[in-house]
Protein backbone atom coordinates (compact mmCIF):
# COMPACT_ATOMS: atom_id res chain seq x y z
CA MET A 1 95.52 37.80 128.26
CA LEU A 2 94.58 41.42 127.14
CA LEU A 3 98.30 42.20 126.85
CA SER A 4 99.13 39.43 124.90
CA SER A 5 96.08 40.44 122.54
CA LEU A 6 97.72 44.19 122.33
CA ALA A 7 101.26 42.76 121.79
CA THR A 8 100.39 40.54 118.96
CA GLY A 9 97.49 42.67 117.59
CA ASP A 10 95.00 39.48 117.33
CA ASP A 11 91.37 39.83 117.82
CA GLU A 12 91.46 36.91 120.34
CA PRO A 13 94.34 36.34 122.67
CA SER A 14 96.18 32.99 122.33
CA SER A 15 98.53 32.45 125.42
CA ILE A 16 97.78 28.44 125.84
CA ALA A 17 99.01 26.36 122.88
CA ALA A 18 97.72 22.77 123.02
CA GLY A 19 99.82 19.88 122.02
CA ASP A 20 99.41 17.06 119.89
CA GLY A 21 97.31 14.90 122.37
CA GLY A 22 94.81 17.90 122.59
CA GLY A 23 92.30 18.43 125.93
CA ASP A 24 94.62 18.59 128.99
CA GLY A 25 97.48 16.84 127.73
CA ASN A 26 100.88 18.19 126.66
CA ILE A 27 99.71 21.83 127.17
CA ASP A 28 102.50 24.44 126.75
CA VAL A 29 101.72 27.60 129.00
CA LYS A 30 103.30 30.40 127.79
CA HIS A 31 104.45 33.82 129.07
CA PRO A 32 101.59 36.05 127.83
CA LEU A 33 104.11 38.72 127.07
CA VAL A 34 107.52 37.25 126.27
CA GLY A 35 105.87 33.82 125.08
CA GLU A 36 108.46 31.57 126.56
CA ARG A 37 107.68 28.62 128.72
CA ALA A 38 108.62 28.11 132.24
CA TRP A 39 111.73 26.36 132.69
CA PHE A 40 110.41 25.36 136.23
CA GLU A 41 107.14 23.70 135.03
CA ASN A 42 106.34 20.42 136.33
CA HIS A 43 109.42 20.01 138.09
CA GLU A 44 108.99 18.61 142.16
CA SER A 45 110.43 21.03 144.79
CA SER A 46 112.98 18.38 145.77
CA PHE A 47 114.35 18.50 142.43
CA THR A 48 115.73 22.07 142.61
CA PRO A 49 118.80 23.53 140.49
CA ILE A 50 122.43 22.80 141.81
CA TYR A 51 124.74 25.73 141.84
CA ILE A 52 127.66 24.90 139.71
CA GLY A 53 130.31 27.52 139.05
CA GLU A 54 131.49 28.45 135.86
CA ALA A 55 134.91 26.97 136.54
CA ALA A 56 133.69 23.59 137.28
CA CYS A 57 133.85 20.65 135.27
CA SER A 58 130.40 20.24 135.25
CA ALA A 59 129.66 23.83 133.85
CA PHE A 60 132.44 23.03 131.26
CA VAL A 61 130.82 20.08 129.76
CA ALA A 62 127.53 22.03 129.81
CA ARG A 63 128.81 24.65 127.68
CA LEU A 64 130.69 22.09 125.47
CA ARG A 65 127.40 20.18 124.83
CA GLN A 66 125.51 23.39 124.16
CA PHE A 67 127.85 24.00 121.53
CA LEU A 68 128.08 20.55 119.86
CA THR A 69 124.18 20.15 119.97
CA SER A 70 123.46 24.04 119.18
CA GLU A 71 121.30 24.25 122.16
CA ASN A 72 120.66 27.48 123.84
CA THR A 73 119.51 26.36 126.88
CA ALA A 74 120.85 23.19 128.72
CA SER A 75 118.53 20.73 131.40
CA HIS A 76 119.43 21.76 135.11
CA ILE A 77 121.14 19.39 137.18
CA THR A 78 118.82 18.12 139.64
CA ARG A 79 119.54 16.26 143.06
CA VAL A 80 118.11 12.81 142.74
CA LYS A 81 120.01 11.33 145.92
CA TYR A 82 120.69 13.07 149.22
CA THR A 83 119.63 12.46 152.91
CA LYS A 84 116.40 13.30 153.63
CA ASP A 85 115.24 15.87 156.34
CA SER A 86 113.22 13.24 158.09
CA LYS A 87 116.30 10.95 158.53
CA LEU A 88 118.23 13.55 160.02
CA LEU A 89 115.49 14.46 162.27
CA ALA A 90 114.85 10.91 163.43
CA THR A 91 118.60 10.20 163.72
CA GLY A 92 118.98 13.34 165.88
CA LYS A 93 116.74 12.39 168.48
CA GLU A 94 118.68 9.26 169.39
CA GLU A 95 120.77 9.41 172.51
CA ILE A 96 124.83 9.48 172.03
CA LYS A 97 127.28 9.68 174.20
CA TRP A 98 131.05 11.02 174.41
CA PRO A 99 133.91 8.40 173.76
CA ASP A 100 136.40 8.16 175.92
CA LEU A 101 139.14 10.68 176.09
CA ALA A 102 141.72 8.39 174.23
CA GLN A 103 139.38 7.49 171.45
CA ALA A 104 138.29 11.07 171.24
CA GLN A 105 141.75 12.83 170.96
CA LEU A 106 142.45 9.93 168.32
CA LEU A 107 139.15 11.07 166.56
CA VAL A 108 139.69 14.86 166.60
CA LYS A 109 143.41 14.01 165.42
CA ALA A 110 142.41 12.12 162.39
CA ALA A 111 139.61 14.24 161.45
CA LEU A 112 141.99 17.39 161.54
CA ASN A 113 144.64 15.69 159.54
CA HIS A 114 142.29 15.04 156.88
CA ILE A 115 140.59 18.59 156.45
CA GLY A 116 143.68 20.45 157.04
CA THR A 117 145.43 19.30 154.86
CA VAL A 118 142.77 21.29 152.21
CA TYR A 119 141.03 23.69 154.69
CA HIS A 120 142.56 26.02 157.23
CA ILE A 121 139.23 25.41 160.01
CA MET A 122 140.77 25.64 163.33
CA LEU A 123 144.48 25.21 164.97
CA LYS A 124 145.09 21.61 165.95
CA LYS A 125 146.84 22.19 169.22
CA SER A 126 144.10 24.30 170.42
CA SER A 127 141.49 21.94 169.66
CA LEU A 128 142.94 18.97 171.33
CA ASP A 129 143.72 21.23 174.50
CA GLU A 130 139.98 22.33 174.70
CA LEU A 131 138.88 18.72 174.60
CA GLU A 132 141.07 17.75 177.34
CA GLY A 133 139.82 20.41 179.11
CA ILE A 134 136.32 19.53 178.57
CA TYR A 135 136.87 15.80 179.91
CA ARG A 136 138.95 17.43 182.93
CA THR A 137 136.29 19.72 183.81
CA ALA A 138 133.50 17.39 182.66
CA ARG A 139 131.76 20.53 180.79
CA PHE A 140 129.64 18.24 178.33
CA ASP A 141 126.79 20.37 178.99
CA ASP A 142 128.07 22.94 176.32
CA LEU A 143 126.21 22.95 173.27
CA VAL A 144 128.37 24.58 171.07
CA SER A 145 131.59 22.65 171.95
CA THR A 146 129.72 19.61 172.21
CA ALA A 147 128.43 20.52 168.41
CA LYS A 148 132.26 21.28 167.61
CA TYR A 149 133.80 17.90 168.77
CA PHE A 150 130.83 16.03 167.26
CA ALA A 151 131.07 17.56 163.75
CA LEU A 152 134.86 16.29 163.97
CA PHE A 153 134.06 12.91 165.15
CA ALA A 154 131.30 12.60 162.13
CA LEU A 155 134.07 13.86 159.87
CA ASP A 156 136.41 10.77 161.32
CA GLU A 157 134.21 8.06 160.67
CA VAL A 158 133.64 9.26 157.10
CA TYR A 159 137.18 9.80 156.07
CA SER A 160 138.18 6.44 158.37
CA ALA A 161 138.63 3.09 156.42
CA ARG A 162 136.82 0.84 159.23
CA THR A 163 133.18 -0.53 157.79
CA SER A 164 129.83 -0.03 159.35
CA GLN A 165 126.99 -2.30 159.32
CA SER A 166 124.35 0.41 159.43
CA HIS A 167 122.33 2.00 156.39
CA SER A 168 122.87 5.19 157.16
CA ALA A 169 126.19 7.09 156.07
CA PRO A 170 129.49 7.10 158.33
CA GLY A 171 129.00 9.78 161.26
CA MET A 172 125.65 10.46 160.48
CA HIS A 173 124.40 10.32 163.74
CA TYR A 174 127.05 12.84 165.20
CA PHE A 175 126.17 15.25 162.61
CA ALA A 176 122.25 15.00 163.34
CA ARG A 177 123.06 15.59 167.08
CA ALA A 178 125.56 18.42 166.22
CA LEU A 179 123.26 20.16 163.80
CA GLY A 180 120.58 20.17 166.37
CA MET A 181 122.33 21.89 168.86
CA VAL A 182 123.47 24.97 166.45
CA HIS A 183 119.65 25.83 165.18
CA ILE A 184 119.70 28.71 167.50
CA LEU A 185 121.35 31.90 166.56
CA PRO A 186 123.58 33.25 168.82
CA GLU A 187 123.34 37.34 169.85
CA GLN A 188 127.08 36.91 170.45
CA PRO A 189 129.02 34.47 168.36
CA SER A 190 132.14 32.92 169.24
CA ILE A 191 134.89 31.56 166.96
CA GLU A 192 134.02 28.25 168.11
CA TYR A 193 130.58 28.67 166.87
CA ILE A 194 131.79 29.78 163.17
CA GLU A 195 134.05 26.81 163.43
CA THR A 196 131.43 24.48 164.10
CA LEU A 197 129.24 25.79 161.00
CA LEU A 198 131.89 25.57 158.68
CA LEU A 199 132.79 21.69 159.86
CA LEU A 200 128.84 20.99 159.80
CA ALA A 201 129.07 22.71 156.16
CA LEU A 202 131.61 20.09 155.27
CA PHE A 203 129.65 17.02 156.26
CA SER A 204 126.60 18.63 154.60
CA PHE A 205 128.43 18.39 151.07
CA LEU A 206 129.57 14.52 151.80
CA LEU A 207 125.74 14.09 152.10
CA ASP A 208 124.97 16.01 149.15
CA ARG A 209 123.20 18.65 150.94
CA ARG A 210 124.35 21.25 148.91
CA HIS A 211 121.83 23.94 149.57
CA SER A 212 122.22 23.13 153.28
CA ARG A 213 125.89 23.50 153.02
CA TYR A 214 125.63 26.71 151.46
CA ILE A 215 123.33 27.95 153.89
CA LEU A 216 125.83 27.02 156.64
CA ILE A 217 128.88 28.85 155.06
CA SER A 218 126.99 32.30 154.69
CA ASN A 219 126.00 31.75 158.10
CA ALA A 220 129.38 31.34 159.14
CA VAL A 221 130.12 34.30 157.13
CA GLU A 222 127.72 36.79 158.50
CA HIS A 223 128.79 35.75 162.03
CA SER A 224 132.34 36.39 161.53
CA VAL A 225 131.29 39.98 159.91
CA ALA A 226 129.17 40.43 163.14
CA ILE A 227 132.10 40.19 165.18
CA GLY A 228 134.56 41.70 163.06
CA LEU A 229 137.01 39.09 161.65
CA ASN A 230 136.59 41.36 158.46
CA HIS A 231 138.74 44.10 159.64
CA ASN A 232 142.69 43.94 159.54
CA ILE A 233 144.23 44.27 163.01
CA PRO A 234 146.55 47.20 163.49
CA GLU A 235 150.05 46.42 163.79
CA SER A 236 149.94 48.38 167.14
CA GLN A 237 147.60 45.82 168.75
CA LEU A 238 149.13 42.99 167.75
CA VAL A 239 150.79 41.08 170.66
CA ASP A 240 154.75 41.32 170.41
CA GLN A 241 156.25 37.46 170.15
CA CYS A 242 159.11 38.61 172.44
CA ASP A 243 156.60 39.17 175.29
CA ILE A 244 154.81 36.06 174.81
CA VAL A 245 158.36 34.08 174.95
CA SER A 246 159.31 36.27 178.09
CA ALA A 247 155.99 35.54 179.92
CA SER A 248 155.91 32.05 179.31
CA GLY A 249 159.59 31.54 179.53
CA GLY A 250 159.86 29.78 176.10
CA PRO A 251 158.88 30.05 172.72
CA PRO A 252 154.83 30.21 171.99
CA THR A 253 153.13 27.18 170.81
CA PHE A 254 150.21 26.92 168.68
């Protein structure tokens, strides 16, 4: 208040400008120094802005509209429809069982075929071999492995053509269970844990949970740096392909 008086030279400060209605209606609260109204005023916390890159179509349209309407600022895009936290929490408490091996292999293959054309997250053959090993050794209590394959099952249900009678999003029961298994940050992260975070980030985007997606991706990057995936491997430490062939008796398979 005092700073506003000194800046304007007025005897009395004027930091609040009343609207036409007077009283407590249409009150325009301004910054005492800058004099601009806060853009985030009267916005609920659930309608926080969505990050949009400058190269995106939404950003281009916003800039074009600003130019045509001679506006200096444009209203941010609010998130009006996304899966709520309470619904995910309730879904994650439901019991869910692993499918049989044949069905699980079919689900994983379909999911990898869909996401593998755009993203390189994991090796297909290694993932299928690991899945077979889980069923062979009955290792269903491993939280990271369970979260990884539940995330793949969820993505398959999203990309599949079959319909569901449920009102929730396809695959959300698998996703909610997988998300609840990775809430503890590992002291020694593994490649499998990083793959799981990336898969969950993909599904979060499908639920329009954009901020959750960015948090999962940033965690994956931090864990990757922690185990040194950001460093180039010297050529002297690379395994010679000829040694692999001679040791296995055949060409390497991936």
